Amino acid sequence: MKERLVVALFIGVVLGAALSLIAQQVVFKDIASTDELVAEFYRIENAVSISPHGLRGKMDEGDESYILVDLRSAEEYEEEHIISAVNVPAYSDRYTSAYGEVDRIVNSFKELKKEYPGRDIIVYCYSTACMTGRKIGGILADHGVYVKHLNIGWYEWRHDWNSWNHEHEWETDKVEEYIWSGEEPGEPKPSSEFSPCTEGEFGC
């Protein structure tokens, strides 16, 4: 009887220790997994997302390291677009998407890559919430073409200047300097105006 009790106690201690160890590993694994997911999120965000203020800074500096692509319809592009943007329509008109025209879209971007080797391609569509840039980006990635994504869309750039610029630039008509009409992209005018943005990977 006494021997059975000792054996039972021994088994209980061993099982308790084993379960405790497994529980700790599960908890630590979950923490490690969460940390890895957070790190991966920021790696992806920094690889894909382009700050509109940072883009404006590139325009002001005459930086030619990028190609900006407007994905809206040709009709809307010709009315007005962000200065320097070229048009690869993902819409056949302002109401109808042309996502099915995969060959045309992919080939247009491949031509841009050939024409401007080494430059980042940055796409934008209608608004921050618009999924067009993300969908086209996914289609392109499936065909070996990789693009970046402007953090805002046309509506915010044109009509919500205050939301993405610094306070000392509010209530100005400066937005007009960054808008162009017609079939041509337009060329930004370099500016020496001070920007509070820093250089390098931590810039705007």
Protein backbone atom coordinates (compact mmCIF):
# COMPACT_ATOMS: atom_id res chain seq x y z
CA MET A 1 0.00 0.00 0.00
CA LYS A 2 2.77 2.35 1.01
CA GLU A 3 4.75 1.50 -2.14
CA ARG A 4 1.72 2.21 -4.33
CA LEU A 5 1.28 5.60 -2.67
CA VAL A 6 4.94 6.49 -3.30
CA VAL A 7 4.66 5.42 -6.96
CA ALA A 8 1.44 7.41 -7.40
CA LEU A 9 3.05 10.50 -5.84
CA PHE A 10 6.10 10.09 -8.07
CA ILE A 11 3.95 9.77 -11.21
CA GLY A 12 1.91 12.78 -10.13
CA VAL A 13 5.02 14.93 -9.65
CA VAL A 14 6.47 13.86 -13.02
CA LEU A 15 3.18 14.47 -14.85
CA GLY A 16 2.71 17.84 -13.14
CA ALA A 17 6.22 18.96 -14.08
CA ALA A 18 5.74 17.77 -17.67
CA LEU A 19 2.40 19.57 -18.05
CA SER A 20 3.88 22.75 -16.54
CA LEU A 21 6.77 22.63 -18.99
CA ILE A 22 4.43 22.10 -21.95
CA ALA A 23 2.22 25.00 -20.81
CA GLN A 24 5.26 27.30 -20.53
CA GLN A 25 6.43 26.30 -24.00
CA VAL A 26 2.98 27.00 -25.46
CA VAL A 27 2.87 30.44 -23.79
CA PHE A 28 6.42 31.33 -24.88
CA LYS A 29 5.70 30.02 -28.37
CA ASP A 30 2.59 32.22 -28.62
CA ILE A 31 4.58 35.26 -27.45
CA ALA A 32 7.37 34.49 -29.91
CA SER A 33 4.84 33.95 -32.70
CA THR A 34 3.14 37.27 -31.93
CA ASP A 35 6.46 39.11 -31.89
CA GLU A 36 7.41 37.53 -35.21
CA LEU A 37 4.07 38.56 -36.72
CA VAL A 38 4.53 42.14 -35.50
CA ALA A 39 8.05 42.26 -36.93
CA GLU A 40 6.83 40.81 -40.24
CA PHE A 41 3.98 43.36 -40.40
CA TYR A 42 6.41 46.27 -40.13
CA ARG A 43 8.83 44.74 -42.63
CA ILE A 44 5.99 44.43 -45.13
CA GLU A 45 4.62 47.90 -44.34
CA ASN A 46 8.01 49.52 -44.85
CA ALA A 47 8.66 47.53 -48.03
CA VAL A 48 5.34 48.40 -49.68
CA SER A 49 3.96 51.68 -48.30
CA ILE A 50 5.01 55.11 -49.52
CA SER A 51 4.29 58.24 -47.48
CA PRO A 52 2.59 60.99 -49.51
CA HIS A 53 4.67 63.62 -47.74
CA GLY A 54 7.81 61.66 -48.55
CA LEU A 55 6.71 61.52 -52.20
CA ARG A 56 6.14 65.26 -52.20
CA GLY A 57 9.66 65.67 -50.83
CA LYS A 58 11.03 63.64 -53.74
CA MET A 59 9.15 65.90 -56.15
CA ASP A 60 10.55 69.02 -54.49
CA GLU A 61 14.09 67.62 -54.72
CA GLY A 62 13.78 66.65 -58.38
CA ASP A 63 14.34 63.02 -57.36
CA GLU A 64 13.90 60.64 -60.32
CA SER A 65 14.18 57.35 -58.44
CA TYR A 66 10.49 56.52 -58.86
CA ILE A 67 7.67 56.27 -61.40
CA LEU A 68 4.19 57.20 -60.15
CA VAL A 69 1.26 55.35 -61.76
CA ASP A 70 -2.38 56.49 -61.67
CA LEU A 71 -4.70 53.45 -61.93
CA ARG A 72 -7.90 55.41 -62.53
CA SER A 73 -9.60 55.57 -65.94
CA ALA A 74 -7.97 57.54 -68.78
CA GLU A 75 -10.91 59.98 -68.65
CA GLU A 76 -10.33 60.79 -64.97
CA TYR A 77 -6.57 60.93 -65.41
CA GLU A 78 -6.86 63.52 -68.18
CA GLU A 79 -9.17 65.67 -66.06
CA GLU A 80 -6.61 65.88 -63.26
CA HIS A 81 -3.91 63.69 -61.75
CA ILE A 82 -0.97 63.90 -59.35
CA ILE A 83 1.81 65.66 -61.20
CA SER A 84 4.41 63.33 -62.78
CA ALA A 85 2.03 60.32 -62.73
CA VAL A 86 1.61 58.18 -65.84
CA ASN A 87 -1.65 56.35 -66.48
CA VAL A 88 -2.15 52.59 -66.62
CA PRO A 89 -5.95 52.36 -66.33
CA ALA A 90 -7.44 49.63 -64.20
CA TYR A 91 -10.83 51.11 -65.15
CA SER A 92 -12.25 51.32 -68.67
CA ASP A 93 -14.33 54.32 -67.54
CA ARG A 94 -15.01 55.99 -64.21
CA TYR A 95 -17.62 53.36 -63.32
CA THR A 96 -16.24 50.11 -64.76
CA SER A 97 -13.21 48.17 -63.57
CA ALA A 98 -10.92 46.48 -66.09
CA TYR A 99 -9.25 44.02 -63.72
CA GLY A 100 -9.84 41.28 -66.29
CA GLU A 101 -7.44 42.92 -68.74
CA VAL A 102 -4.50 41.25 -67.04
CA ASP A 103 -2.24 40.98 -70.10
CA ARG A 104 -2.59 44.68 -70.95
CA ILE A 105 -1.96 45.81 -67.38
CA VAL A 106 0.98 43.47 -66.76
CA ASN A 107 2.60 44.31 -70.11
CA SER A 108 2.20 48.05 -69.45
CA PHE A 109 4.07 47.70 -66.16
CA LYS A 110 6.75 45.51 -67.72
CA GLU A 111 7.29 48.25 -70.32
CA LEU A 112 7.66 50.81 -67.54
CA LYS A 113 10.26 48.58 -65.90
CA LYS A 114 12.20 48.41 -69.19
CA GLU A 115 11.88 52.12 -69.87
CA TYR A 116 12.87 53.16 -66.34
CA PRO A 117 15.19 50.42 -65.01
CA GLY A 118 16.01 50.56 -61.33
CA ARG A 119 13.20 52.94 -60.44
CA ASP A 120 10.53 52.14 -57.85
CA ILE A 121 7.03 51.97 -59.31
CA ILE A 122 4.44 53.54 -57.00
CA VAL A 123 0.74 53.07 -57.70
CA TYR A 124 -2.29 54.99 -56.46
CA CYS A 125 -6.02 54.81 -57.09
CA TYR A 126 -9.09 56.65 -55.79
CA SER A 127 -8.72 56.78 -52.02
CA THR A 128 -7.04 55.30 -48.98
CA ALA A 129 -9.83 52.73 -48.73
CA CYS A 130 -9.73 51.84 -52.44
CA MET A 131 -8.59 48.25 -53.06
CA THR A 132 -7.57 48.78 -56.71
CA GLY A 133 -3.91 49.43 -55.95
CA ARG A 134 -3.73 46.36 -53.74
CA LYS A 135 -5.50 44.14 -56.29
CA ILE A 136 -3.36 45.33 -59.18
CA GLY A 137 -0.26 45.00 -56.99
CA GLY A 138 -1.22 41.38 -56.29
CA ILE A 139 -1.83 40.63 -59.98
CA LEU A 140 1.52 42.16 -60.89
CA ALA A 141 3.37 40.23 -58.15
CA ASP A 142 1.90 37.00 -59.56
CA HIS A 143 3.62 37.94 -62.85
CA GLY A 144 6.97 38.87 -61.31
CA VAL A 145 6.43 42.65 -61.28
CA TYR A 146 6.66 44.33 -57.89
CA VAL A 147 5.22 47.75 -57.13
CA LYS A 148 4.87 49.97 -54.07
CA HIS A 149 1.67 51.60 -52.88
CA LEU A 150 1.02 55.28 -52.07
CA ASN A 151 -0.54 55.51 -48.60
CA ILE A 152 -3.33 57.78 -49.84
CA GLY A 153 -5.39 58.04 -53.02
CA TRP A 154 -6.33 60.76 -55.47
CA TYR A 155 -9.17 62.11 -53.32
CA GLU A 156 -6.95 62.71 -50.29
CA TRP A 157 -4.15 64.18 -52.39
CA ARG A 158 -6.49 66.57 -54.20
CA HIS A 159 -9.22 67.33 -51.67
CA ASP A 160 -7.84 66.57 -48.19
CA TRP A 161 -4.49 68.39 -48.17
CA ASN A 162 -4.59 69.10 -44.43
CA SER A 163 -4.85 65.44 -43.44
CA TRP A 164 -1.40 64.50 -44.74
CA ASN A 165 0.61 67.71 -44.62
CA HIS A 166 2.17 69.65 -41.78
CA GLU A 167 0.16 72.28 -39.94
CA HIS A 168 2.14 75.25 -41.27
CA GLU A 169 1.05 74.22 -44.79
CA TRP A 170 -2.68 74.17 -44.05
CA GLU A 171 -5.08 76.63 -45.61
CA THR A 172 -2.86 77.20 -48.63
CA ASP A 173 -3.39 76.65 -52.33
CA LYS A 174 -0.09 74.77 -52.55
CA VAL A 175 -1.92 71.63 -53.67
CA GLU A 176 -2.32 73.24 -57.13
CA GLU A 177 1.45 72.91 -57.64
CA TYR A 178 1.12 69.13 -57.39
CA ILE A 179 -1.80 68.64 -59.80
CA TRP A 180 -1.71 68.32 -63.59
CA SER A 181 -4.34 68.06 -66.33
CA GLY A 182 -4.19 66.43 -69.75
CA GLU A 183 -2.63 63.35 -71.31
CA GLU A 184 0.93 64.22 -70.24
CA PRO A 185 2.26 63.45 -66.73
CA GLY A 186 3.53 66.96 -66.02
CA GLU A 187 6.80 67.75 -64.32
CA PRO A 188 7.12 68.83 -60.68
CA LYS A 189 8.97 72.07 -60.00
CA PRO A 190 11.85 71.53 -57.57
CA SER A 191 11.42 73.54 -54.38
CA SER A 192 13.93 74.59 -51.73
CA GLU A 193 11.20 75.07 -49.12
CA PHE A 194 12.19 73.63 -45.75
CA SER A 195 10.68 70.27 -44.86
CA PRO A 196 10.70 68.91 -41.29
CA CYS A 197 11.10 65.39 -42.70
CA THR A 198 14.39 63.65 -42.07
CA GLU A 199 16.44 61.85 -44.69
CA GLY A 200 16.79 58.07 -44.97
CA GLU A 201 14.63 55.19 -43.85
CA PHE A 202 12.98 57.15 -41.01
CA GLY A 203 11.94 60.07 -43.22
CA CYS A 204 8.35 60.99 -44.03
